Every structure is written in structure tokens, then in C-alpha cells.
Amino acid sequence: MNIPDPKTFTDPEKLRKLMANAVRLGYDDLAFDCKMRIAELAGAAHKDPVERAFFTGLVAAEEFRTADNGRSTKLIKVRSKHKRVGAIKVLSDQMMEAELSDGFAKLVEHHRSDLTAEAIVLSHEDQFSVDVVNAARKKLMDQGVNIGEAVA
């Protein structure tokens, strides 16, 4: 069987069709790769590296929620806060909360810890306070995530 590579797609709607077929046929890894490609395309629309990474992670979390809920789901509160204060502040506030970011477990499970909010903070630590960076590092370490892989 000739399985298309989601990385070659640039149209999110075609990726959604491929993802639906992958789910129907039981190709979970292919469905996950489609979600990641949709997220990457959303992030690519932003020039700033932190904004790009933030939107990639945000859309990935929304894709996970959509799959879990069976209907299109947006993280409205996160999006509206971002609109008010920007990615740096949203990520900083997330690091200071006790809970992990949305989609954390699924990203780590599929070896994409680089897209977690925590890894985004560590990858751009020069733009965050020391407390925020330390909180991100602690969250990753507490979950057994290899920081070298997450921030590679």
C-alpha cells in the first residue's frame, strides 16, 4: 500500500481527509503525523520564532482536543489571552501554573516533546525570566523528559 507522507502536504483540509482515513483504517501514527503537519503549517505563518513555536504547539493541542471530542475544538481562552498579551506572557503564565500544558502527554508519547510549552520556553530561554525557565525545566524533569531531546 502506498501511504502518502503528510510532510509533503500544504493544505490542512487535505491533511484532515488523510487523517480521517488513517483513523478509519487504524493507522494511528499516520493520523498523529497529520495533526503535527497541520500544526506546523499554522506555526509557519508566524515569523517570530517564539510565536511560530507557540502556534505550532497550540494548534497541536487543539488537534488533540478535536480528536478526543469528535468535533472541531479551539482553545479559546488561550487564543484570547494570546491576543491580549502575546506568546511570551502566555507561556510564562503556563510555566508558573502547577498543571502541565495542554497536549503535553500526547506530544511526549509521540516523541515530540519539542512542541510542549515547556520545551518552547527552554528553547528561547533568553526571552523568559529565570523563574519561568526553571519552572519549565522542572516540569520536564518531573515527567522524565530528556531535556536534550526536547530542546534539540
N, C-alpha and C. Protein backbone atom coordinates (compact mmCIF):
# COMPACT_ATOMS: atom_id res chain seq x y z
N MET A 1 0.84 -1.18 0.00
CA MET A 1 0.00 0.00 0.00
C MET A 1 0.88 1.24 0.00
N ASN A 2 0.55 2.20 -0.83
CA ASN A 2 1.31 3.44 -0.93
C ASN A 2 0.71 4.49 0.00
N ILE A 3 1.38 4.75 1.12
CA ILE A 3 0.87 5.69 2.12
C ILE A 3 1.51 7.05 1.90
N PRO A 4 0.71 8.11 1.69
CA PRO A 4 1.26 9.44 1.46
C PRO A 4 1.98 9.98 2.70
N ASP A 5 2.99 10.79 2.48
CA ASP A 5 3.74 11.42 3.56
C ASP A 5 3.10 12.77 3.88
N PRO A 6 2.58 12.94 5.10
CA PRO A 6 1.94 14.21 5.47
C PRO A 6 2.86 15.42 5.31
N LYS A 7 4.17 15.21 5.41
CA LYS A 7 5.11 16.33 5.30
C LYS A 7 5.10 16.97 3.91
N THR A 8 4.55 16.25 2.92
CA THR A 8 4.51 16.80 1.56
C THR A 8 3.25 17.63 1.32
N PHE A 9 2.32 17.63 2.28
CA PHE A 9 1.06 18.35 2.14
C PHE A 9 1.21 19.79 2.61
N THR A 10 0.51 20.70 1.93
CA THR A 10 0.48 22.11 2.35
C THR A 10 -0.94 22.60 2.59
N ASP A 11 -1.92 21.75 2.35
CA ASP A 11 -3.33 22.11 2.52
C ASP A 11 -3.90 21.38 3.74
N PRO A 12 -4.24 22.13 4.80
CA PRO A 12 -4.78 21.49 6.00
C PRO A 12 -6.03 20.64 5.75
N GLU A 13 -6.86 21.04 4.81
CA GLU A 13 -8.07 20.26 4.54
C GLU A 13 -7.75 18.89 3.94
N LYS A 14 -6.76 18.84 3.07
CA LYS A 14 -6.34 17.56 2.53
C LYS A 14 -5.72 16.70 3.62
N LEU A 15 -5.00 17.34 4.53
CA LEU A 15 -4.43 16.61 5.66
C LEU A 15 -5.53 16.04 6.56
N ARG A 16 -6.60 16.81 6.75
CA ARG A 16 -7.72 16.33 7.57
C ARG A 16 -8.39 15.10 6.93
N LYS A 17 -8.49 15.11 5.60
CA LYS A 17 -9.07 13.94 4.90
C LYS A 17 -8.16 12.72 5.05
N LEU A 18 -6.85 12.95 4.89
CA LEU A 18 -5.89 11.87 5.07
C LEU A 18 -5.95 11.35 6.51
N MET A 19 -6.06 12.27 7.46
CA MET A 19 -6.13 11.89 8.87
C MET A 19 -7.39 11.07 9.14
N ALA A 20 -8.52 11.48 8.59
CA ALA A 20 -9.77 10.73 8.79
C ALA A 20 -9.64 9.31 8.24
N ASN A 21 -9.03 9.17 7.08
CA ASN A 21 -8.82 7.84 6.51
C ASN A 21 -7.85 7.02 7.36
N ALA A 22 -6.82 7.68 7.87
CA ALA A 22 -5.85 6.98 8.71
C ALA A 22 -6.52 6.46 9.99
N VAL A 23 -7.38 7.29 10.58
CA VAL A 23 -8.10 6.87 11.79
C VAL A 23 -9.02 5.71 11.46
N ARG A 24 -9.75 5.83 10.37
CA ARG A 24 -10.70 4.79 9.96
C ARG A 24 -10.00 3.45 9.74
N LEU A 25 -8.77 3.51 9.18
CA LEU A 25 -8.04 2.28 8.85
C LEU A 25 -7.12 1.82 9.99
N GLY A 26 -7.08 2.60 11.08
CA GLY A 26 -6.27 2.20 12.23
C GLY A 26 -4.80 2.56 12.16
N TYR A 27 -4.44 3.52 11.31
CA TYR A 27 -3.06 4.00 11.22
C TYR A 27 -2.87 5.19 12.16
N ASP A 28 -2.73 4.89 13.44
CA ASP A 28 -2.65 5.95 14.45
C ASP A 28 -1.44 6.86 14.28
N ASP A 29 -0.29 6.29 13.91
CA ASP A 29 0.90 7.12 13.72
C ASP A 29 0.74 8.07 12.55
N LEU A 30 0.10 7.62 11.49
CA LEU A 30 -0.15 8.49 10.34
C LEU A 30 -1.11 9.61 10.74
N ALA A 31 -2.14 9.28 11.51
CA ALA A 31 -3.08 10.30 11.98
C ALA A 31 -2.35 11.33 12.83
N PHE A 32 -1.46 10.87 13.71
CA PHE A 32 -0.69 11.80 14.54
C PHE A 32 0.19 12.68 13.66
N ASP A 33 0.85 12.10 12.66
CA ASP A 33 1.71 12.88 11.76
C ASP A 33 0.90 13.94 11.01
N CYS A 34 -0.34 13.63 10.67
CA CYS A 34 -1.21 14.62 10.01
C CYS A 34 -1.50 15.79 10.96
N LYS A 35 -1.79 15.47 12.21
CA LYS A 35 -2.04 16.53 13.20
C LYS A 35 -0.81 17.42 13.34
N MET A 36 0.36 16.81 13.40
CA MET A 36 1.59 17.58 13.55
C MET A 36 1.83 18.47 12.33
N ARG A 37 1.54 17.96 11.15
CA ARG A 37 1.74 18.76 9.93
C ARG A 37 0.77 19.94 9.90
N ILE A 38 -0.46 19.72 10.32
CA ILE A 38 -1.43 20.82 10.40
C ILE A 38 -0.91 21.88 11.36
N ALA A 39 -0.37 21.44 12.49
CA ALA A 39 0.18 22.37 13.48
C ALA A 39 1.39 23.12 12.92
N GLU A 40 2.26 22.41 12.22
CA GLU A 40 3.44 23.05 11.63
C GLU A 40 3.04 24.11 10.60
N LEU A 41 2.03 23.83 9.81
CA LEU A 41 1.57 24.80 8.82
C LEU A 41 1.01 26.05 9.50
N ALA A 42 0.29 25.85 10.61
CA ALA A 42 -0.24 27.00 11.36
C ALA A 42 0.90 27.84 11.94
N GLY A 43 1.90 27.18 12.46
CA GLY A 43 3.05 27.89 13.04
C GLY A 43 3.86 28.63 11.99
N ALA A 44 3.96 28.05 10.81
CA ALA A 44 4.78 28.63 9.74
C ALA A 44 4.29 30.01 9.31
N ALA A 45 3.06 30.34 9.65
CA ALA A 45 2.51 31.64 9.27
C ALA A 45 3.09 32.78 10.10
N HIS A 46 3.90 32.46 11.11
CA HIS A 46 4.45 33.47 12.01
C HIS A 46 5.96 33.57 11.84
N LYS A 47 6.46 34.78 11.72
CA LYS A 47 7.89 35.00 11.51
C LYS A 47 8.69 34.88 12.81
N ASP A 48 8.17 35.42 13.89
CA ASP A 48 8.88 35.39 15.17
C ASP A 48 9.00 33.94 15.65
N PRO A 49 10.21 33.49 16.02
CA PRO A 49 10.40 32.09 16.41
C PRO A 49 9.55 31.64 17.61
N VAL A 50 9.37 32.50 18.60
CA VAL A 50 8.55 32.13 19.76
C VAL A 50 7.09 32.03 19.34
N GLU A 51 6.61 32.99 18.57
CA GLU A 51 5.23 32.95 18.08
C GLU A 51 5.00 31.71 17.21
N ARG A 52 5.97 31.41 16.35
CA ARG A 52 5.85 30.24 15.47
C ARG A 52 5.74 28.96 16.31
N ALA A 53 6.63 28.81 17.28
CA ALA A 53 6.61 27.63 18.14
C ALA A 53 5.33 27.58 18.97
N PHE A 54 4.92 28.74 19.48
CA PHE A 54 3.70 28.81 20.29
C PHE A 54 2.49 28.34 19.49
N PHE A 55 2.34 28.86 18.28
CA PHE A 55 1.18 28.49 17.47
C PHE A 55 1.25 27.04 16.99
N THR A 56 2.44 26.54 16.75
CA THR A 56 2.56 25.13 16.39
C THR A 56 2.07 24.26 17.55
N GLY A 57 2.53 24.58 18.75
CA GLY A 57 2.09 23.83 19.93
C GLY A 57 0.61 24.00 20.23
N LEU A 58 0.11 25.21 20.06
CA LEU A 58 -1.30 25.49 20.32
C LEU A 58 -2.20 24.71 19.37
N VAL A 59 -1.89 24.75 18.09
CA VAL A 59 -2.71 24.05 17.11
C VAL A 59 -2.59 22.53 17.31
N ALA A 60 -1.43 22.05 17.71
CA ALA A 60 -1.29 20.62 18.01
C ALA A 60 -2.24 20.24 19.15
N ALA A 61 -2.26 21.04 20.22
CA ALA A 61 -3.15 20.77 21.35
C ALA A 61 -4.62 20.82 20.90
N GLU A 62 -4.95 21.77 20.02
CA GLU A 62 -6.32 21.85 19.51
C GLU A 62 -6.67 20.62 18.67
N GLU A 63 -5.72 20.14 17.90
CA GLU A 63 -5.97 18.94 17.09
C GLU A 63 -6.20 17.72 17.99
N PHE A 64 -5.48 17.64 19.10
CA PHE A 64 -5.69 16.53 20.04
C PHE A 64 -7.08 16.62 20.65
N ARG A 65 -7.46 17.83 21.06
CA ARG A 65 -8.79 18.03 21.65
C ARG A 65 -9.88 17.71 20.64
N THR A 66 -9.69 18.13 19.40
CA THR A 66 -10.66 17.86 18.35
C THR A 66 -10.84 16.35 18.19
N ALA A 67 -9.74 15.61 18.15
CA ALA A 67 -9.81 14.15 18.01
C ALA A 67 -10.51 13.53 19.21
N ASP A 68 -10.21 14.02 20.40
CA ASP A 68 -10.82 13.48 21.62
C ASP A 68 -12.32 13.78 21.69
N ASN A 69 -12.71 14.99 21.26
CA ASN A 69 -14.10 15.43 21.37
C ASN A 69 -14.97 14.99 20.18
N GLY A 70 -14.32 14.65 19.08
CA GLY A 70 -15.08 14.28 17.90
C GLY A 70 -15.67 15.47 17.17
N ARG A 71 -15.25 16.66 17.53
CA ARG A 71 -15.70 17.88 16.83
C ARG A 71 -14.60 18.94 16.93
N SER A 72 -14.61 19.87 16.01
CA SER A 72 -13.58 20.91 15.99
C SER A 72 -13.55 21.67 17.31
N THR A 73 -12.37 21.73 17.91
CA THR A 73 -12.22 22.36 19.22
C THR A 73 -11.06 23.32 19.20
N LYS A 74 -11.31 24.56 19.59
CA LYS A 74 -10.27 25.58 19.70
C LYS A 74 -10.07 25.91 21.17
N LEU A 75 -8.85 26.22 21.55
CA LEU A 75 -8.55 26.64 22.91
C LEU A 75 -8.78 28.15 22.98
N ILE A 76 -10.04 28.51 23.12
CA ILE A 76 -10.48 29.91 23.03
C ILE A 76 -9.81 30.78 24.09
N LYS A 77 -9.75 30.30 25.32
CA LYS A 77 -9.15 31.11 26.40
C LYS A 77 -7.68 31.40 26.11
N VAL A 78 -6.96 30.41 25.65
CA VAL A 78 -5.54 30.61 25.34
C VAL A 78 -5.40 31.58 24.17
N ARG A 79 -6.23 31.41 23.14
CA ARG A 79 -6.16 32.30 21.98
C ARG A 79 -6.50 33.74 22.35
N SER A 80 -7.52 33.93 23.18
CA SER A 80 -7.89 35.30 23.53
C SER A 80 -6.84 35.94 24.43
N LYS A 81 -6.26 35.15 25.33
CA LYS A 81 -5.18 35.70 26.18
C LYS A 81 -3.98 36.06 25.31
N HIS A 82 -3.67 35.20 24.34
CA HIS A 82 -2.55 35.50 23.44
C HIS A 82 -2.79 36.82 22.70
N LYS A 83 -4.02 37.01 22.27
CA LYS A 83 -4.35 38.23 21.54
C LYS A 83 -4.11 39.48 22.41
N ARG A 84 -4.38 39.34 23.70
CA ARG A 84 -4.20 40.45 24.64
C ARG A 84 -2.74 40.67 25.04
N VAL A 85 -2.01 39.57 25.33
CA VAL A 85 -0.70 39.73 25.96
C VAL A 85 0.48 39.12 25.20
N GLY A 86 0.23 38.30 24.19
CA GLY A 86 1.30 37.70 23.40
C GLY A 86 1.80 36.36 23.95
N ALA A 87 2.60 35.70 23.13
CA ALA A 87 3.07 34.34 23.44
C ALA A 87 3.97 34.28 24.66
N ILE A 88 4.86 35.25 24.80
CA ILE A 88 5.81 35.23 25.94
C ILE A 88 5.05 35.21 27.26
N LYS A 89 4.07 36.07 27.40
CA LYS A 89 3.30 36.14 28.65
C LYS A 89 2.46 34.89 28.85
N VAL A 90 1.82 34.38 27.80
CA VAL A 90 1.00 33.17 27.93
C VAL A 90 1.88 32.01 28.38
N LEU A 91 3.02 31.83 27.73
CA LEU A 91 3.92 30.74 28.09
C LEU A 91 4.48 30.92 29.50
N SER A 92 4.82 32.14 29.85
CA SER A 92 5.33 32.41 31.20
C SER A 92 4.30 32.04 32.25
N ASP A 93 3.06 32.46 32.03
CA ASP A 93 2.00 32.14 32.99
C ASP A 93 1.76 30.64 33.07
N GLN A 94 1.81 29.95 31.93
CA GLN A 94 1.62 28.49 31.94
C GLN A 94 2.69 27.80 32.77
N MET A 95 3.92 28.29 32.70
CA MET A 95 5.00 27.64 33.44
C MET A 95 4.83 27.81 34.94
N MET A 96 4.18 28.90 35.35
CA MET A 96 4.03 29.17 36.77
C MET A 96 2.80 28.47 37.37
N GLU A 97 2.01 27.80 36.52
CA GLU A 97 0.87 27.02 37.00
C GLU A 97 1.34 25.61 37.32
N ALA A 98 0.64 24.94 38.21
CA ALA A 98 1.03 23.59 38.62
C ALA A 98 0.80 22.56 37.52
N GLU A 99 -0.26 22.74 36.70
CA GLU A 99 -0.59 21.76 35.68
C GLU A 99 0.37 21.85 34.50
N LEU A 100 0.39 20.76 33.75
CA LEU A 100 1.17 20.74 32.51
C LEU A 100 0.35 21.38 31.40
N SER A 101 1.03 21.80 30.35
CA SER A 101 0.35 22.43 29.22
C SER A 101 -0.54 21.42 28.50
N ASP A 102 -1.54 21.92 27.78
CA ASP A 102 -2.44 21.06 27.02
C ASP A 102 -1.66 20.25 25.99
N GLY A 103 -1.97 19.00 25.90
CA GLY A 103 -1.34 18.14 24.91
C GLY A 103 0.03 17.61 25.31
N PHE A 104 0.51 17.98 26.48
CA PHE A 104 1.86 17.59 26.92
C PHE A 104 2.08 16.08 26.79
N ALA A 105 1.21 15.30 27.40
CA ALA A 105 1.39 13.84 27.44
C ALA A 105 1.40 13.24 26.04
N LYS A 106 0.52 13.72 25.16
CA LYS A 106 0.46 13.15 23.81
C LYS A 106 1.70 13.51 23.01
N LEU A 107 2.21 14.72 23.19
CA LEU A 107 3.43 15.11 22.48
C LEU A 107 4.62 14.28 22.95
N VAL A 108 4.74 14.10 24.25
CA VAL A 108 5.85 13.32 24.80
C VAL A 108 5.73 11.87 24.35
N GLU A 109 4.53 11.33 24.40
CA GLU A 109 4.29 9.94 24.00
C GLU A 109 4.73 9.68 22.56
N HIS A 110 4.55 10.68 21.69
CA HIS A 110 4.89 10.53 20.28
C HIS A 110 6.26 11.14 19.95
N HIS A 111 7.09 11.33 20.97
CA HIS A 111 8.46 11.83 20.79
C HIS A 111 8.51 13.21 20.16
N ARG A 112 7.54 14.06 20.51
CA ARG A 112 7.53 15.44 20.04
C ARG A 112 7.50 16.40 21.23
N SER A 113 8.31 16.08 22.24
CA SER A 113 8.37 16.94 23.42
C SER A 113 8.89 18.33 23.07
N ASP A 114 9.52 18.47 21.90
CA ASP A 114 10.00 19.78 21.45
C ASP A 114 8.86 20.77 21.24
N LEU A 115 7.62 20.29 21.10
CA LEU A 115 6.48 21.18 20.87
C LEU A 115 5.72 21.53 22.15
N THR A 116 6.15 20.98 23.27
CA THR A 116 5.48 21.34 24.52
C THR A 116 5.81 22.79 24.87
N ALA A 117 4.91 23.43 25.59
CA ALA A 117 5.15 24.81 26.02
C ALA A 117 6.45 24.89 26.83
N GLU A 118 6.69 23.85 27.62
CA GLU A 118 7.88 23.83 28.46
C GLU A 118 9.16 23.84 27.61
N ALA A 119 9.18 23.04 26.56
CA ALA A 119 10.35 22.99 25.68
C ALA A 119 10.50 24.29 24.88
N ILE A 120 9.39 24.90 24.52
CA ILE A 120 9.45 26.18 23.81
C ILE A 120 10.14 27.22 24.69
N VAL A 121 9.78 27.24 25.96
CA VAL A 121 10.41 28.18 26.89
C VAL A 121 11.91 27.92 26.97
N LEU A 122 12.31 26.66 27.12
CA LEU A 122 13.73 26.35 27.23
C LEU A 122 14.48 26.64 25.93
N SER A 123 13.84 26.47 24.80
CA SER A 123 14.47 26.74 23.51
C SER A 123 14.71 28.24 23.29
N HIS A 124 13.95 29.05 23.99
CA HIS A 124 14.05 30.51 23.83
C HIS A 124 14.24 31.16 25.20
N GLU A 125 15.06 30.52 26.03
CA GLU A 125 15.15 30.94 27.43
C GLU A 125 15.64 32.37 27.61
N ASP A 126 16.33 32.92 26.63
CA ASP A 126 16.80 34.30 26.74
C ASP A 126 15.64 35.30 26.75
N GLN A 127 14.44 34.87 26.37
CA GLN A 127 13.29 35.77 26.33
C GLN A 127 12.37 35.62 27.55
N PHE A 128 12.76 34.74 28.48
CA PHE A 128 11.94 34.48 29.66
C PHE A 128 12.74 34.73 30.93
N SER A 129 12.02 34.96 32.01
CA SER A 129 12.69 35.17 33.30
C SER A 129 13.31 33.85 33.77
N VAL A 130 14.26 33.97 34.69
CA VAL A 130 14.92 32.80 35.24
C VAL A 130 13.91 31.88 35.93
N ASP A 131 12.95 32.46 36.65
CA ASP A 131 11.94 31.66 37.35
C ASP A 131 11.10 30.84 36.36
N VAL A 132 10.75 31.44 35.25
CA VAL A 132 9.94 30.76 34.23
C VAL A 132 10.75 29.63 33.61
N VAL A 133 11.99 29.88 33.29
CA VAL A 133 12.85 28.86 32.69
C VAL A 133 13.04 27.70 33.67
N ASN A 134 13.28 28.02 34.93
CA ASN A 134 13.46 26.96 35.93
C ASN A 134 12.19 26.13 36.11
N ALA A 135 11.04 26.79 36.08
CA ALA A 135 9.76 26.08 36.21
C ALA A 135 9.56 25.13 35.02
N ALA A 136 9.90 25.60 33.82
CA ALA A 136 9.77 24.76 32.62
C ALA A 136 10.69 23.55 32.73
N ARG A 137 11.93 23.79 33.12
CA ARG A 137 12.90 22.69 33.26
C ARG A 137 12.41 21.68 34.30
N LYS A 138 11.90 22.15 35.42
CA LYS A 138 11.41 21.27 36.48
C LYS A 138 10.24 20.43 35.99
N LYS A 139 9.30 21.03 35.27
CA LYS A 139 8.15 20.27 34.76
C LYS A 139 8.60 19.15 33.83
N LEU A 140 9.54 19.45 32.95
CA LEU A 140 10.03 18.42 32.04
C LEU A 140 10.76 17.32 32.81
N MET A 141 11.61 17.71 33.74
CA MET A 141 12.35 16.72 34.51
C MET A 141 11.42 15.86 35.37
N ASP A 142 10.41 16.49 35.97
CA ASP A 142 9.45 15.74 36.80
C ASP A 142 8.70 14.70 35.99
N GLN A 143 8.55 14.93 34.69
CA GLN A 143 7.84 13.99 33.83
C GLN A 143 8.79 13.00 33.14
N GLY A 144 10.08 13.08 33.48
CA GLY A 144 11.05 12.16 32.92
C GLY A 144 11.42 12.44 31.48
N VAL A 145 11.19 13.67 31.04
CA VAL A 145 11.51 14.04 29.66
C VAL A 145 12.99 14.39 29.56
N ASN A 146 13.66 13.83 28.57
CA ASN A 146 15.05 14.14 28.31
C ASN A 146 15.14 15.55 27.76
N ILE A 147 15.68 16.47 28.53
CA ILE A 147 15.71 17.88 28.13
C ILE A 147 16.53 18.09 26.87
N GLY A 148 17.61 17.31 26.70
CA GLY A 148 18.42 17.40 25.50
C GLY A 148 17.63 17.10 24.23
N GLU A 149 16.71 16.13 24.32
CA GLU A 149 15.87 15.79 23.16
C GLU A 149 14.78 16.82 22.96
N ALA A 150 14.25 17.35 24.06
CA ALA A 150 13.14 18.31 23.98
C ALA A 150 13.60 19.64 23.38
N VAL A 151 14.84 19.99 23.61
CA VAL A 151 15.33 21.31 23.20
C VAL A 151 16.34 21.21 22.06
N ALA A 152 16.49 20.04 21.50
CA ALA A 152 17.49 19.83 20.44
C ALA A 152 17.28 20.71 19.24
